[in-house]
Amino acid sequence: MTNIGKYKQRQRMVIFSIGLLMLLYVASNSSNLPISWTGMKFEKQELSLASTDGYPDTEEDGIVAARKDIKLGKPKYMLYGLINSDDVQNRTNKNIEFRFGGCVLGESGYRFWSGYNSEIIRLGLVKK
């Protein structure tokens, strides 16, 4: 390959990289990113996996919070990892508020939501 060919190849890579970075920037500032990526027809929640609604980040507190929310008629289920919208929609026929926690497991809030989700599953509100 000639020097001109290598230059043009580098130029295309720089343009592609800049375009990709711009796309990622716009996508990261999108207010409906989880819904548009998953195709789900659920109301988007601004809360993340790190949000434990003021409870400590323990499984026990997640279970306590789940029981309280069920009594109030406002149970939730935290989704994290790769989300398949068909799978989620088939998991429940109850009035569950789905929240989107992202893709990182083991971070702050993970223990709380692990306990919370396990209680929701244990009580049969969401199929595993």
C-alpha atoms as a PDB file:
ATOM      1  CA  MET A   1       0.000   0.000   0.000  1.00  0.00           C
ATOM      2  CA  THR A   2       1.338   3.423  -0.872  1.00  0.00           C
ATOM      3  CA  ASN A   3       1.787   6.275   1.577  1.00  0.00           C
ATOM      4  CA  ILE A   4      -1.289   7.997   0.107  1.00  0.00           C
ATOM      5  CA  GLY A   5      -3.358   4.827   0.635  1.00  0.00           C
ATOM      6  CA  LYS A   6      -2.211   4.526   4.238  1.00  0.00           C
ATOM      7  CA  TYR A   7      -2.982   8.195   4.827  1.00  0.00           C
ATOM      8  CA  LYS A   8      -6.518   7.828   3.453  1.00  0.00           C
ATOM      9  CA  GLN A   9      -7.082   4.712   5.561  1.00  0.00           C
ATOM     10  CA  ARG A  10      -5.987   6.570   8.703  1.00  0.00           C
ATOM     11  CA  GLN A  11      -8.146   9.521   7.744  1.00  0.00           C
ATOM     12  CA  ARG A  12     -11.217   7.253   7.412  1.00  0.00           C
ATOM     13  CA  MET A  13     -10.471   5.664  10.805  1.00  0.00           C
ATOM     14  CA  VAL A  14     -10.209   9.084  12.475  1.00  0.00           C
ATOM     15  CA  ILE A  15     -13.491  10.212  10.916  1.00  0.00           C
ATOM     16  CA  PHE A  16     -15.179   6.940  11.924  1.00  0.00           C
ATOM     17  CA  SER A  17     -13.834   7.226  15.489  1.00  0.00           C
ATOM     18  CA  ILE A  18     -15.031  10.811  15.846  1.00  0.00           C
ATOM     19  CA  GLY A  19     -18.458   9.842  14.508  1.00  0.00           C
ATOM     20  CA  LEU A  20     -18.670   6.906  16.893  1.00  0.00           C
ATOM     21  CA  LEU A  21     -17.718   9.106  19.855  1.00  0.00           C
ATOM     22  CA  MET A  22     -20.368  11.658  18.847  1.00  0.00           C
ATOM     23  CA  LEU A  23     -22.986   8.907  18.603  1.00  0.00           C
ATOM     24  CA  LEU A  24     -22.051   7.552  22.035  1.00  0.00           C
ATOM     25  CA  TYR A  25     -22.193  11.050  23.527  1.00  0.00           C
ATOM     26  CA  VAL A  26     -25.655  11.716  22.104  1.00  0.00           C
ATOM     27  CA  ALA A  27     -26.892   8.268  23.199  1.00  0.00           C
ATOM     28  CA  SER A  28     -25.559   8.727  26.730  1.00  0.00           C
ATOM     29  CA  ASN A  29     -27.523  11.960  27.089  1.00  0.00           C
ATOM     30  CA  SER A  30     -30.750  10.461  25.742  1.00  0.00           C
ATOM     31  CA  SER A  31     -33.543  10.552  28.314  1.00  0.00           C
ATOM     32  CA  ASN A  32     -35.173   7.381  26.998  1.00  0.00           C
ATOM     33  CA  LEU A  33     -32.101   5.257  26.349  1.00  0.00           C
ATOM     34  CA  PRO A  34     -33.152   2.048  28.184  1.00  0.00           C
ATOM     35  CA  ILE A  35     -36.578   1.997  26.527  1.00  0.00           C
ATOM     36  CA  SER A  36     -35.218   2.663  23.065  1.00  0.00           C
ATOM     37  CA  TRP A  37     -32.539  -0.023  23.447  1.00  0.00           C
ATOM     38  CA  THR A  38     -34.834  -2.702  24.865  1.00  0.00           C
ATOM     39  CA  GLY A  39     -38.028  -1.873  22.988  1.00  0.00           C
ATOM     40  CA  MET A  40     -40.005  -2.159  26.215  1.00  0.00           C
ATOM     41  CA  LYS A  41     -43.152  -0.191  26.731  1.00  0.00           C
ATOM     42  CA  PHE A  42     -42.504   0.540  30.402  1.00  0.00           C
ATOM     43  CA  GLU A  43     -42.163   3.952  31.933  1.00  0.00           C
ATOM     44  CA  LYS A  44     -38.475   4.781  32.260  1.00  0.00           C
ATOM     45  CA  GLN A  45     -37.147   4.998  35.785  1.00  0.00           C
ATOM     46  CA  GLU A  46     -34.431   7.512  36.562  1.00  0.00           C
ATOM     47  CA  LEU A  47     -33.092   5.307  39.352  1.00  0.00           C
ATOM     48  CA  SER A  48     -30.048   3.147  38.934  1.00  0.00           C
ATOM     49  CA  LEU A  49     -28.825  -0.035  40.541  1.00  0.00           C
ATOM     50  CA  ALA A  50     -27.057   2.118  43.138  1.00  0.00           C
ATOM     51  CA  SER A  51     -30.385   3.588  44.295  1.00  0.00           C
ATOM     52  CA  THR A  52     -31.585   1.652  47.320  1.00  0.00           C
ATOM     53  CA  ASP A  53     -34.413   4.060  48.193  1.00  0.00           C
ATOM     54  CA  GLY A  54     -32.574   5.103  51.361  1.00  0.00           C
ATOM     55  CA  TYR A  55     -32.028   1.573  52.697  1.00  0.00           C
ATOM     56  CA  PRO A  56     -28.580   0.158  53.515  1.00  0.00           C
ATOM     57  CA  ASP A  57     -27.043  -2.007  50.804  1.00  0.00           C
ATOM     58  CA  THR A  58     -27.805  -5.420  52.330  1.00  0.00           C
ATOM     59  CA  GLU A  59     -29.911  -8.340  51.142  1.00  0.00           C
ATOM     60  CA  GLU A  60     -31.880  -8.263  54.399  1.00  0.00           C
ATOM     61  CA  ASP A  61     -32.846  -4.629  53.856  1.00  0.00           C
ATOM     62  CA  GLY A  62     -33.830  -5.453  50.277  1.00  0.00           C
ATOM     63  CA  ILE A  63     -36.209  -8.129  51.577  1.00  0.00           C
ATOM     64  CA  VAL A  64     -37.679  -5.705  54.152  1.00  0.00           C
ATOM     65  CA  ALA A  65     -38.150  -3.053  51.451  1.00  0.00           C
ATOM     66  CA  ALA A  66     -39.806  -5.574  49.105  1.00  0.00           C
ATOM     67  CA  ARG A  67     -42.301  -6.638  51.783  1.00  0.00           C
ATOM     68  CA  LYS A  68     -43.098  -3.005  52.575  1.00  0.00           C
ATOM     69  CA  ASP A  69     -43.589  -2.121  48.898  1.00  0.00           C
ATOM     70  CA  ILE A  70     -45.841  -5.152  48.385  1.00  0.00           C
ATOM     71  CA  LYS A  71     -48.043  -4.059  51.300  1.00  0.00           C
ATOM     72  CA  LEU A  72     -48.234  -0.580  49.757  1.00  0.00           C
ATOM     73  CA  GLY A  73     -49.149  -2.125  46.391  1.00  0.00           C
ATOM     74  CA  LYS A  74     -45.994  -0.790  44.704  1.00  0.00           C
ATOM     75  CA  PRO A  75     -43.650  -3.753  44.145  1.00  0.00           C
ATOM     76  CA  LYS A  76     -40.603  -3.257  41.931  1.00  0.00           C
ATOM     77  CA  TYR A  77     -38.179  -5.484  40.096  1.00  0.00           C
ATOM     78  CA  MET A  78     -34.651  -4.383  39.215  1.00  0.00           C
ATOM     79  CA  LEU A  79     -33.425  -5.487  35.809  1.00  0.00           C
ATOM     80  CA  TYR A  80     -29.709  -5.557  35.118  1.00  0.00           C
ATOM     81  CA  GLY A  81     -27.476  -7.154  32.593  1.00  0.00           C
ATOM     82  CA  LEU A  82     -28.582  -7.864  29.036  1.00  0.00           C
ATOM     83  CA  ILE A  83     -32.359  -7.391  28.964  1.00  0.00           C
ATOM     84  CA  ASN A  84     -34.598  -9.361  26.622  1.00  0.00           C
ATOM     85  CA  SER A  85     -37.880  -7.448  26.383  1.00  0.00           C
ATOM     86  CA  ASP A  86     -39.954 -10.524  25.416  1.00  0.00           C
ATOM     87  CA  ASP A  87     -38.602 -12.439  28.404  1.00  0.00           C
ATOM     88  CA  VAL A  88     -39.388  -9.582  30.799  1.00  0.00           C
ATOM     89  CA  GLN A  89     -42.906  -9.077  29.499  1.00  0.00           C
ATOM     90  CA  ASN A  90     -43.614 -12.811  29.934  1.00  0.00           C
ATOM     91  CA  ARG A  91     -42.269 -12.877  33.500  1.00  0.00           C
ATOM     92  CA  THR A  92     -45.251 -11.245  35.140  1.00  0.00           C
ATOM     93  CA  ASN A  93     -48.906 -10.407  34.831  1.00  0.00           C
ATOM     94  CA  LYS A  94     -48.898  -8.459  38.092  1.00  0.00           C
ATOM     95  CA  ASN A  95     -48.517  -4.726  38.620  1.00  0.00           C
ATOM     96  CA  ILE A  96     -44.719  -4.637  38.867  1.00  0.00           C
ATOM     97  CA  GLU A  97     -42.640  -1.500  38.368  1.00  0.00           C
ATOM     98  CA  PHE A  98     -39.534  -2.473  36.416  1.00  0.00           C
ATOM     99  CA  ARG A  99     -36.350  -0.510  37.045  1.00  0.00           C
ATOM    100  CA  PHE A 100     -33.243  -0.577  34.904  1.00  0.00           C
ATOM    101  CA  GLY A 101     -29.993  -0.975  36.808  1.00  0.00           C
ATOM    102  CA  GLY A 102     -27.406  -1.208  34.080  1.00  0.00           C
ATOM    103  CA  CYS A 103     -24.957  -3.954  33.293  1.00  0.00           C
ATOM    104  CA  VAL A 104     -22.510  -3.948  36.194  1.00  0.00           C
ATOM    105  CA  LEU A 105     -23.031  -6.616  38.835  1.00  0.00           C
ATOM    106  CA  GLY A 106     -21.540  -6.410  42.300  1.00  0.00           C
ATOM    107  CA  GLU A 107     -21.551  -2.615  42.452  1.00  0.00           C
ATOM    108  CA  SER A 108     -23.179  -0.455  45.106  1.00  0.00           C
ATOM    109  CA  GLY A 109     -26.837  -1.442  45.487  1.00  0.00           C
ATOM    110  CA  TYR A 110     -26.382  -4.943  44.104  1.00  0.00           C
ATOM    111  CA  ARG A 111     -26.861  -6.716  47.461  1.00  0.00           C
ATOM    112  CA  PHE A 112     -30.007  -4.672  48.229  1.00  0.00           C
ATOM    113  CA  TRP A 113     -31.612  -5.403  44.857  1.00  0.00           C
ATOM    114  CA  SER A 114     -30.553  -9.039  44.985  1.00  0.00           C
ATOM    115  CA  GLY A 115     -32.506  -9.444  48.234  1.00  0.00           C
ATOM    116  CA  TYR A 116     -35.398  -7.346  46.951  1.00  0.00           C
ATOM    117  CA  ASN A 117     -35.698  -9.314  43.698  1.00  0.00           C
ATOM    118  CA  SER A 118     -35.381 -12.670  45.468  1.00  0.00           C
ATOM    119  CA  GLU A 119     -38.321 -11.778  47.730  1.00  0.00           C
ATOM    120  CA  ILE A 120     -40.419 -10.673  44.743  1.00  0.00           C
ATOM    121  CA  ILE A 121     -39.623 -13.986  43.013  1.00  0.00           C
ATOM    122  CA  ARG A 122     -40.182 -16.020  46.202  1.00  0.00           C
ATOM    123  CA  LEU A 123     -43.679 -14.550  46.564  1.00  0.00           C
ATOM    124  CA  GLY A 124     -44.486 -15.387  42.935  1.00  0.00           C
ATOM    125  CA  LEU A 125     -44.909 -11.821  41.692  1.00  0.00           C
ATOM    126  CA  VAL A 126     -42.248 -12.339  39.014  1.00  0.00           C
ATOM    127  CA  LYS A 127     -41.259 -15.631  37.395  1.00  0.00           C
ATOM    128  CA  LYS A 128     -37.575 -16.392  37.422  1.00  0.00           C
END
